[in-house]
PDB file of N, CA and C in Angstrom:
ATOM      1  N   MET A   1      -1.151   4.687 -20.860  1.00  0.00           N
ATOM      2  CA  MET A   1      -0.547   4.735 -19.549  1.00  0.00           C
ATOM      3  C   MET A   1      -1.278   3.733 -18.646  1.00  0.00           C
ATOM      4  N   SER A   2      -0.530   3.052 -17.790  1.00  0.00           N
ATOM      5  CA  SER A   2      -1.138   2.017 -16.960  1.00  0.00           C
ATOM      6  C   SER A   2      -1.744   2.597 -15.681  1.00  0.00           C
ATOM      7  N   TRP A   3      -2.619   1.816 -15.091  1.00  0.00           N
ATOM      8  CA  TRP A   3      -3.238   2.191 -13.815  1.00  0.00           C
ATOM      9  C   TRP A   3      -2.157   2.441 -12.767  1.00  0.00           C
ATOM     10  N   ASN A   4      -1.196   1.515 -12.689  1.00  0.00           N
ATOM     11  CA  ASN A   4      -0.145   1.623 -11.668  1.00  0.00           C
ATOM     12  C   ASN A   4       0.691   2.885 -11.850  1.00  0.00           C
ATOM     13  N   THR A   5       0.980   3.243 -13.087  1.00  0.00           N
ATOM     14  CA  THR A   5       1.752   4.461 -13.355  1.00  0.00           C
ATOM     15  C   THR A   5       0.988   5.692 -12.899  1.00  0.00           C
ATOM     16  N   MET A   6      -0.307   5.706 -13.162  1.00  0.00           N
ATOM     17  CA  MET A   6      -1.143   6.837 -12.742  1.00  0.00           C
ATOM     18  C   MET A   6      -1.202   6.941 -11.217  1.00  0.00           C
ATOM     19  N   ILE A   7      -1.396   5.820 -10.550  1.00  0.00           N
ATOM     20  CA  ILE A   7      -1.453   5.823  -9.078  1.00  0.00           C
ATOM     21  C   ILE A   7      -0.128   6.301  -8.503  1.00  0.00           C
ATOM     22  N   ASP A   8       0.973   5.804  -9.045  1.00  0.00           N
ATOM     23  CA  ASP A   8       2.293   6.216  -8.581  1.00  0.00           C
ATOM     24  C   ASP A   8       2.490   7.723  -8.792  1.00  0.00           C
ATOM     25  N   GLY A   9       2.068   8.234  -9.936  1.00  0.00           N
ATOM     26  CA  GLY A   9       2.193   9.664 -10.205  1.00  0.00           C
ATOM     27  C   GLY A   9       1.369  10.506  -9.243  1.00  0.00           C
ATOM     28  N   TYR A  10       0.146  10.077  -8.981  1.00  0.00           N
ATOM     29  CA  TYR A  10      -0.688  10.792  -8.009  1.00  0.00           C
ATOM     30  C   TYR A  10      -0.030  10.818  -6.632  1.00  0.00           C
ATOM     31  N   MET A  11       0.482   9.667  -6.192  1.00  0.00           N
ATOM     32  CA  MET A  11       1.109   9.599  -4.869  1.00  0.00           C
ATOM     33  C   MET A  11       2.346  10.494  -4.801  1.00  0.00           C
ATOM     34  N   LYS A  12       3.161  10.468  -5.838  1.00  0.00           N
ATOM     35  CA  LYS A  12       4.386  11.271  -5.849  1.00  0.00           C
ATOM     36  C   LYS A  12       4.095  12.767  -5.864  1.00  0.00           C
ATOM     37  N   ASN A  13       2.916  13.143  -6.360  1.00  0.00           N
ATOM     38  CA  ASN A  13       2.544  14.559  -6.425  1.00  0.00           C
ATOM     39  C   ASN A  13       1.601  14.975  -5.303  1.00  0.00           C
ATOM     40  N   GLY A  14       1.469  14.124  -4.286  1.00  0.00           N
ATOM     41  CA  GLY A  14       0.684  14.469  -3.110  1.00  0.00           C
ATOM     42  C   GLY A  14      -0.818  14.383  -3.295  1.00  0.00           C
ATOM     43  N   LYS A  15      -1.273  13.774  -4.374  1.00  0.00           N
ATOM     44  CA  LYS A  15      -2.707  13.642  -4.627  1.00  0.00           C
ATOM     45  C   LYS A  15      -3.179  12.261  -4.163  1.00  0.00           C
ATOM     46  N   VAL A  16      -3.091  12.070  -2.869  1.00  0.00           N
ATOM     47  CA  VAL A  16      -3.384  10.773  -2.260  1.00  0.00           C
ATOM     48  C   VAL A  16      -4.833  10.364  -2.502  1.00  0.00           C
ATOM     49  N   ASP A  17      -5.765  11.294  -2.334  1.00  0.00           N
ATOM     50  CA  ASP A  17      -7.180  10.964  -2.549  1.00  0.00           C
ATOM     51  C   ASP A  17      -7.430  10.482  -3.970  1.00  0.00           C
ATOM     52  N   ASP A  18      -6.812  11.145  -4.941  1.00  0.00           N
ATOM     53  CA  ASP A  18      -6.972  10.721  -6.336  1.00  0.00           C
ATOM     54  C   ASP A  18      -6.369   9.344  -6.564  1.00  0.00           C
ATOM     55  N   ALA A  19      -5.229   9.086  -5.925  1.00  0.00           N
ATOM     56  CA  ALA A  19      -4.585   7.777  -6.060  1.00  0.00           C
ATOM     57  C   ALA A  19      -5.470   6.675  -5.490  1.00  0.00           C
ATOM     58  N   VAL A  20      -6.054   6.915  -4.342  1.00  0.00           N
ATOM     59  CA  VAL A  20      -6.919   5.908  -3.711  1.00  0.00           C
ATOM     60  C   VAL A  20      -8.180   5.688  -4.542  1.00  0.00           C
ATOM     61  N   LYS A  21      -8.763   6.763  -5.054  1.00  0.00           N
ATOM     62  CA  LYS A  21      -9.959   6.620  -5.900  1.00  0.00           C
ATOM     63  C   LYS A  21      -9.656   5.787  -7.135  1.00  0.00           C
ATOM     64  N   LEU A  22      -8.520   6.062  -7.780  1.00  0.00           N
ATOM     65  CA  LEU A  22      -8.141   5.304  -8.963  1.00  0.00           C
ATOM     66  C   LEU A  22      -7.873   3.850  -8.607  1.00  0.00           C
ATOM     67  N   PHE A  23      -7.214   3.622  -7.470  1.00  0.00           N
ATOM     68  CA  PHE A  23      -6.947   2.260  -7.001  1.00  0.00           C
ATOM     69  C   PHE A  23      -8.257   1.498  -6.817  1.00  0.00           C
ATOM     70  N   GLU A  24      -9.245   2.153  -6.232  1.00  0.00           N
ATOM     71  CA  GLU A  24     -10.536   1.511  -5.996  1.00  0.00           C
ATOM     72  C   GLU A  24     -11.271   1.201  -7.292  1.00  0.00           C
ATOM     73  N   GLN A  25     -10.994   1.958  -8.346  1.00  0.00           N
ATOM     74  CA  GLN A  25     -11.654   1.752  -9.643  1.00  0.00           C
ATOM     75  C   GLN A  25     -10.975   0.674 -10.489  1.00  0.00           C
ATOM     76  N   MET A  26      -9.772   0.274 -10.108  1.00  0.00           N
ATOM     77  CA  MET A  26      -9.033  -0.709 -10.905  1.00  0.00           C
ATOM     78  C   MET A  26      -9.837  -1.999 -11.035  1.00  0.00           C
ATOM     79  N   PRO A  27      -9.913  -2.522 -12.252  1.00  0.00           N
ATOM     80  CA  PRO A  27     -10.646  -3.782 -12.424  1.00  0.00           C
ATOM     81  C   PRO A  27      -9.935  -4.958 -11.764  1.00  0.00           C
ATOM     82  N   GLN A  28      -8.599  -4.890 -11.704  1.00  0.00           N
ATOM     83  CA  GLN A  28      -7.841  -5.963 -11.066  1.00  0.00           C
ATOM     84  C   GLN A  28      -6.576  -5.370 -10.450  1.00  0.00           C
ATOM     85  N   ARG A  29      -6.371  -5.652  -9.168  1.00  0.00           N
ATOM     86  CA  ARG A  29      -5.191  -5.157  -8.461  1.00  0.00           C
ATOM     87  C   ARG A  29      -4.189  -6.294  -8.318  1.00  0.00           C
ATOM     88  N   ASP A  30      -2.928  -5.994  -8.595  1.00  0.00           N
ATOM     89  CA  ASP A  30      -1.894  -7.009  -8.448  1.00  0.00           C
ATOM     90  C   ASP A  30      -0.888  -6.580  -7.385  1.00  0.00           C
ATOM     91  N   ALA A  31       0.161  -7.347  -7.249  1.00  0.00           N
ATOM     92  CA  ALA A  31       1.167  -7.060  -6.219  1.00  0.00           C
ATOM     93  C   ALA A  31       1.810  -5.694  -6.437  1.00  0.00           C
ATOM     94  N   VAL A  32       2.023  -5.318  -7.690  1.00  0.00           N
ATOM     95  CA  VAL A  32       2.616  -4.012  -7.989  1.00  0.00           C
ATOM     96  C   VAL A  32       1.684  -2.898  -7.535  1.00  0.00           C
ATOM     97  N   SER A  33       0.396  -3.058  -7.773  1.00  0.00           N
ATOM     98  CA  SER A  33      -0.588  -2.049  -7.365  1.00  0.00           C
ATOM     99  C   SER A  33      -0.551  -1.830  -5.862  1.00  0.00           C
ATOM    100  N   TRP A  34      -0.556  -2.920  -5.112  1.00  0.00           N
ATOM    101  CA  TRP A  34      -0.531  -2.824  -3.652  1.00  0.00           C
ATOM    102  C   TRP A  34       0.772  -2.208  -3.165  1.00  0.00           C
ATOM    103  N   THR A  35       1.884  -2.598  -3.776  1.00  0.00           N
ATOM    104  CA  THR A  35       3.191  -2.077  -3.362  1.00  0.00           C
ATOM    105  C   THR A  35       3.274  -0.577  -3.604  1.00  0.00           C
ATOM    106  N   ILE A  36       2.777  -0.123  -4.745  1.00  0.00           N
ATOM    107  CA  ILE A  36       2.778   1.314  -5.050  1.00  0.00           C
ATOM    108  C   ILE A  36       1.934   2.073  -4.039  1.00  0.00           C
ATOM    109  N   LEU A  37       0.751   1.568  -3.747  1.00  0.00           N
ATOM    110  CA  LEU A  37      -0.139   2.254  -2.811  1.00  0.00           C
ATOM    111  C   LEU A  37       0.463   2.300  -1.405  1.00  0.00           C
ATOM    112  N   ILE A  38       0.918   1.177  -0.906  1.00  0.00           N
ATOM    113  CA  ILE A  38       1.511   1.130   0.435  1.00  0.00           C
ATOM    114  C   ILE A  38       2.753   2.015   0.494  1.00  0.00           C
ATOM    115  N   GLY A  39       3.611   1.883  -0.521  1.00  0.00           N
ATOM    116  CA  GLY A  39       4.828   2.692  -0.558  1.00  0.00           C
ATOM    117  C   GLY A  39       4.524   4.175  -0.591  1.00  0.00           C
ATOM    118  N   GLY A  40       3.473   4.557  -1.308  1.00  0.00           N
ATOM    119  CA  GLY A  40       3.080   5.956  -1.360  1.00  0.00           C
ATOM    120  C   GLY A  40       2.635   6.484  -0.011  1.00  0.00           C
ATOM    121  N   PHE A  41       1.882   5.679   0.721  1.00  0.00           N
ATOM    122  CA  PHE A  41       1.463   6.090   2.061  1.00  0.00           C
ATOM    123  C   PHE A  41       2.669   6.241   2.979  1.00  0.00           C
ATOM    124  N   VAL A  42       3.607   5.316   2.877  1.00  0.00           N
ATOM    125  CA  VAL A  42       4.799   5.372   3.725  1.00  0.00           C
ATOM    126  C   VAL A  42       5.614   6.620   3.418  1.00  0.00           C
ATOM    127  N   LYS A  43       5.827   6.890   2.151  1.00  0.00           N
ATOM    128  CA  LYS A  43       6.641   8.048   1.760  1.00  0.00           C
ATOM    129  C   LYS A  43       5.984   9.367   2.131  1.00  0.00           C
ATOM    130  N   LYS A  44       4.687   9.401   2.165  1.00  0.00           N
ATOM    131  CA  LYS A  44       3.969  10.624   2.518  1.00  0.00           C
ATOM    132  C   LYS A  44       3.681  10.691   4.015  1.00  0.00           C
ATOM    133  N   ASP A  45       4.301   9.789   4.785  1.00  0.00           N
ATOM    134  CA  ASP A  45       4.074   9.714   6.233  1.00  0.00           C
ATOM    135  C   ASP A  45       2.606   9.537   6.572  1.00  0.00           C
ATOM    136  N   LEU A  46       1.904   8.807   5.714  1.00  0.00           N
ATOM    137  CA  LEU A  46       0.493   8.521   5.977  1.00  0.00           C
ATOM    138  C   LEU A  46       0.319   7.066   6.389  1.00  0.00           C
ATOM    139  N   GLY A  47       1.429   6.400   6.708  1.00  0.00           N
ATOM    140  CA  GLY A  47       1.392   4.988   7.074  1.00  0.00           C
ATOM    141  C   GLY A  47       0.905   4.793   8.487  1.00  0.00           C
ATOM    142  N   THR A  48      -0.304   5.187   8.748  1.00  0.00           N
ATOM    143  CA  THR A  48      -0.843   5.060  10.095  1.00  0.00           C
ATOM    144  C   THR A  48      -1.074   3.605  10.448  1.00  0.00           C
ATOM    145  N   LEU A  49      -1.060   3.339  11.698  1.00  0.00           N
ATOM    146  CA  LEU A  49      -1.225   1.965  12.165  1.00  0.00           C
ATOM    147  C   LEU A  49      -2.568   1.387  11.737  1.00  0.00           C
ATOM    148  N   GLY A  50      -3.621   2.164  11.827  1.00  0.00           N
ATOM    149  CA  GLY A  50      -4.941   1.667  11.430  1.00  0.00           C
ATOM    150  C   GLY A  50      -4.994   1.248   9.975  1.00  0.00           C
ATOM    151  N   LEU A  51      -4.399   2.060   9.122  1.00  0.00           N
ATOM    152  CA  LEU A  51      -4.359   1.733   7.701  1.00  0.00           C
ATOM    153  C   LEU A  51      -3.541   0.469   7.482  1.00  0.00           C
ATOM    154  N   GLY A  52      -2.404   0.377   8.154  1.00  0.00           N
ATOM    155  CA  GLY A  52      -1.556  -0.794   8.013  1.00  0.00           C
ATOM    156  C   GLY A  52      -2.256  -2.068   8.441  1.00  0.00           C
ATOM    157  N   LEU A  53      -2.968  -1.999   9.534  1.00  0.00           N
ATOM    158  CA  LEU A  53      -3.703  -3.179  10.000  1.00  0.00           C
ATOM    159  C   LEU A  53      -4.804  -3.580   9.026  1.00  0.00           C
ATOM    160  N   TRP A  54      -5.503  -2.587   8.481  1.00  0.00           N
ATOM    161  CA  TRP A  54      -6.564  -2.876   7.515  1.00  0.00           C
ATOM    162  C   TRP A  54      -5.988  -3.514   6.261  1.00  0.00           C
ATOM    163  N   ILE A  55      -4.897  -2.933   5.725  1.00  0.00           N
ATOM    164  CA  ILE A  55      -4.282  -3.481   4.522  1.00  0.00           C
ATOM    165  C   ILE A  55      -3.755  -4.884   4.790  1.00  0.00           C
ATOM    166  N   ASN A  56      -3.117  -5.075   5.930  1.00  0.00           N
ATOM    167  CA  ASN A  56      -2.589  -6.393   6.275  1.00  0.00           C
ATOM    168  C   ASN A  56      -3.699  -7.427   6.328  1.00  0.00           C
ATOM    169  N   GLN A  57      -4.789  -7.085   6.965  1.00  0.00           N
ATOM    170  CA  GLN A  57      -5.918  -8.013   7.066  1.00  0.00           C
ATOM    171  C   GLN A  57      -6.495  -8.337   5.693  1.00  0.00           C
ATOM    172  N   PHE A  58      -6.617  -7.327   4.842  1.00  0.00           N
ATOM    173  CA  PHE A  58      -7.149  -7.540   3.498  1.00  0.00           C
ATOM    174  C   PHE A  58      -6.226  -8.451   2.685  1.00  0.00           C
ATOM    175  N   ILE A  59      -4.934  -8.191   2.762  1.00  0.00           N
ATOM    176  CA  ILE A  59      -3.971  -8.969   1.987  1.00  0.00           C
ATOM    177  C   ILE A  59      -3.950 -10.427   2.434  1.00  0.00           C
ATOM    178  N   MET A  60      -4.107 -10.677   3.709  1.00  0.00           N
ATOM    179  CA  MET A  60      -4.114 -12.052   4.207  1.00  0.00           C
ATOM    180  C   MET A  60      -5.290 -12.850   3.631  1.00  0.00           C
ATOM    181  N   LYS A  61      -6.346 -12.154   3.227  1.00  0.00           N
ATOM    182  CA  LYS A  61      -7.504 -12.823   2.645  1.00  0.00           C
ATOM    183  C   LYS A  61      -7.364 -13.003   1.134  1.00  0.00           C
ATOM    184  N   GLN A  62      -6.349 -12.396   0.544  1.00  0.00           N
ATOM    185  CA  GLN A  62      -6.142 -12.438  -0.904  1.00  0.00           C
ATOM    186  C   GLN A  62      -5.000 -13.394  -1.242  1.00  0.00           C
ATOM    187  N   ASP A  63      -4.642 -13.415  -2.511  1.00  0.00           N
ATOM    188  CA  ASP A  63      -3.568 -14.276  -2.991  1.00  0.00           C
ATOM    189  C   ASP A  63      -2.183 -13.662  -2.812  1.00  0.00           C
ATOM    190  N   PHE A  64      -2.088 -12.526  -2.114  1.00  0.00           N
ATOM    191  CA  PHE A  64      -0.813 -11.845  -1.969  1.00  0.00           C
ATOM    192  C   PHE A  64      -0.105 -12.168  -0.660  1.00  0.00           C
ATOM    193  N   ARG A  65      -0.606 -13.102   0.070  1.00  0.00           N
ATOM    194  CA  ARG A  65      -0.078 -13.443   1.398  1.00  0.00           C
ATOM    195  C   ARG A  65       1.418 -13.739   1.391  1.00  0.00           C
ATOM    196  N   ASP A  66       1.905 -14.406   0.362  1.00  0.00           N
ATOM    197  CA  ASP A  66       3.305 -14.814   0.305  1.00  0.00           C
ATOM    198  C   ASP A  66       4.158 -13.920  -0.586  1.00  0.00           C
ATOM    199  N   ASN A  67       3.655 -12.760  -0.955  1.00  0.00           N
ATOM    200  CA  ASN A  67       4.395 -11.862  -1.835  1.00  0.00           C
ATOM    201  C   ASN A  67       5.411 -11.064  -1.022  1.00  0.00           C
ATOM    202  N   ILE A  68       6.674 -11.237  -1.333  1.00  0.00           N
ATOM    203  CA  ILE A  68       7.765 -10.607  -0.579  1.00  0.00           C
ATOM    204  C   ILE A  68       7.709  -9.089  -0.664  1.00  0.00           C
ATOM    205  N   ARG A  69       7.434  -8.537  -1.835  1.00  0.00           N
ATOM    206  CA  ARG A  69       7.411  -7.079  -1.995  1.00  0.00           C
ATOM    207  C   ARG A  69       6.327  -6.449  -1.128  1.00  0.00           C
ATOM    208  N   ILE A  70       5.155  -7.052  -1.113  1.00  0.00           N
ATOM    209  CA  ILE A  70       4.067  -6.516  -0.294  1.00  0.00           C
ATOM    210  C   ILE A  70       4.401  -6.671   1.189  1.00  0.00           C
ATOM    211  N   SER A  71       4.926  -7.822   1.555  1.00  0.00           N
ATOM    212  CA  SER A  71       5.303  -8.044   2.958  1.00  0.00           C
ATOM    213  C   SER A  71       6.347  -7.031   3.415  1.00  0.00           C
ATOM    214  N   ASN A  72       7.339  -6.777   2.578  1.00  0.00           N
ATOM    215  CA  ASN A  72       8.368  -5.795   2.928  1.00  0.00           C
ATOM    216  C   ASN A  72       7.788  -4.392   3.061  1.00  0.00           C
ATOM    217  N   SER A  73       6.845  -4.053   2.197  1.00  0.00           N
ATOM    218  CA  SER A  73       6.206  -2.736   2.288  1.00  0.00           C
ATOM    219  C   SER A  73       5.430  -2.588   3.589  1.00  0.00           C
ATOM    220  N   LEU A  74       4.739  -3.644   3.985  1.00  0.00           N
ATOM    221  CA  LEU A  74       3.994  -3.601   5.244  1.00  0.00           C
ATOM    222  C   LEU A  74       4.944  -3.492   6.440  1.00  0.00           C
ATOM    223  N   ILE A  75       6.024  -4.242   6.411  1.00  0.00           N
ATOM    224  CA  ILE A  75       6.996  -4.167   7.506  1.00  0.00           C
ATOM    225  C   ILE A  75       7.583  -2.767   7.592  1.00  0.00           C
ATOM    226  N   ASP A  76       7.897  -2.176   6.450  1.00  0.00           N
ATOM    227  CA  ASP A  76       8.418  -0.810   6.431  1.00  0.00           C
ATOM    228  C   ASP A  76       7.409   0.160   7.031  1.00  0.00           C
ATOM    229  N   MET A  77       6.143   0.004   6.682  1.00  0.00           N
ATOM    230  CA  MET A  77       5.111   0.888   7.210  1.00  0.00           C
ATOM    231  C   MET A  77       4.980   0.717   8.727  1.00  0.00           C
ATOM    232  N   TYR A  78       4.974  -0.534   9.207  1.00  0.00           N
ATOM    233  CA  TYR A  78       4.876  -0.767  10.644  1.00  0.00           C
ATOM    234  C   TYR A  78       6.077  -0.184  11.386  1.00  0.00           C
ATOM    235  N   SER A  79       7.264  -0.312  10.792  1.00  0.00           N
ATOM    236  CA  SER A  79       8.444   0.219  11.472  1.00  0.00           C
ATOM    237  C   SER A  79       8.379   1.741  11.568  1.00  0.00           C
ATOM    238  N   ARG A  80       7.843   2.383  10.564  1.00  0.00           N
ATOM    239  CA  ARG A  80       7.711   3.841  10.610  1.00  0.00           C
ATOM    240  C   ARG A  80       6.653   4.291  11.612  1.00  0.00           C
ATOM    241  N   CYS A  81       5.719   3.397  11.908  1.00  0.00           N
ATOM    242  CA  CYS A  81       4.696   3.709  12.917  1.00  0.00           C
ATOM    243  C   CYS A  81       5.195   3.373  14.322  1.00  0.00           C
ATOM    244  N   GLY A  82       6.360   2.745  14.402  1.00  0.00           N
ATOM    245  CA  GLY A  82       6.890   2.356  15.696  1.00  0.00           C
ATOM    246  C   GLY A  82       6.278   1.083  16.234  1.00  0.00           C
ATOM    247  N   CYS A  83       5.702   0.286  15.351  1.00  0.00           N
ATOM    248  CA  CYS A  83       5.021  -0.955  15.764  1.00  0.00           C
ATOM    249  C   CYS A  83       5.533  -2.142  14.949  1.00  0.00           C
ATOM    250  N   ILE A  84       6.825  -2.328  14.939  1.00  0.00           N
ATOM    251  CA  ILE A  84       7.425  -3.361  14.112  1.00  0.00           C
ATOM    252  C   ILE A  84       6.906  -4.748  14.473  1.00  0.00           C
ATOM    253  N   GLY A  85       6.464  -4.943  15.695  1.00  0.00           N
ATOM    254  CA  GLY A  85       5.925  -6.238  16.111  1.00  0.00           C
ATOM    255  C   GLY A  85       4.716  -6.669  15.313  1.00  0.00           C
ATOM    256  N   PHE A  86       3.959  -5.718  14.775  1.00  0.00           N
ATOM    257  CA  PHE A  86       2.805  -6.076  13.955  1.00  0.00           C
ATOM    258  C   PHE A  86       3.218  -6.644  12.601  1.00  0.00           C
ATOM    259  N   GLY A  87       4.457  -6.446  12.214  1.00  0.00           N
ATOM    260  CA  GLY A  87       4.929  -6.933  10.937  1.00  0.00           C
ATOM    261  C   GLY A  87       5.275  -8.416  10.919  1.00  0.00           C
ATOM    262  N   GLU A  88       5.146  -9.076  12.037  1.00  0.00           N
ATOM    263  CA  GLU A  88       5.493 -10.506  12.111  1.00  0.00           C
ATOM    264  C   GLU A  88       4.436 -11.374  11.483  1.00  0.00           C
TER     265      GLU A  88
END
């Protein structure tokens, strides 16, 4: 079973802490990993503005800056927080 599948399963079953711990242990995170994590926070209504800003800042420093899936996930999270302007 893959890391991403495990993280997705944890998020879908409300085990957010376990999902984050596993994410932090991953030897290499890719666009799918980030999308699953962000999407899980959004679906669980945990897409707080502070988390979104931190993730956005981290992603801008990585190679995922131009990834459409990650960008869309961040925009979705910002819109749910009522701060769509941060998604620009």
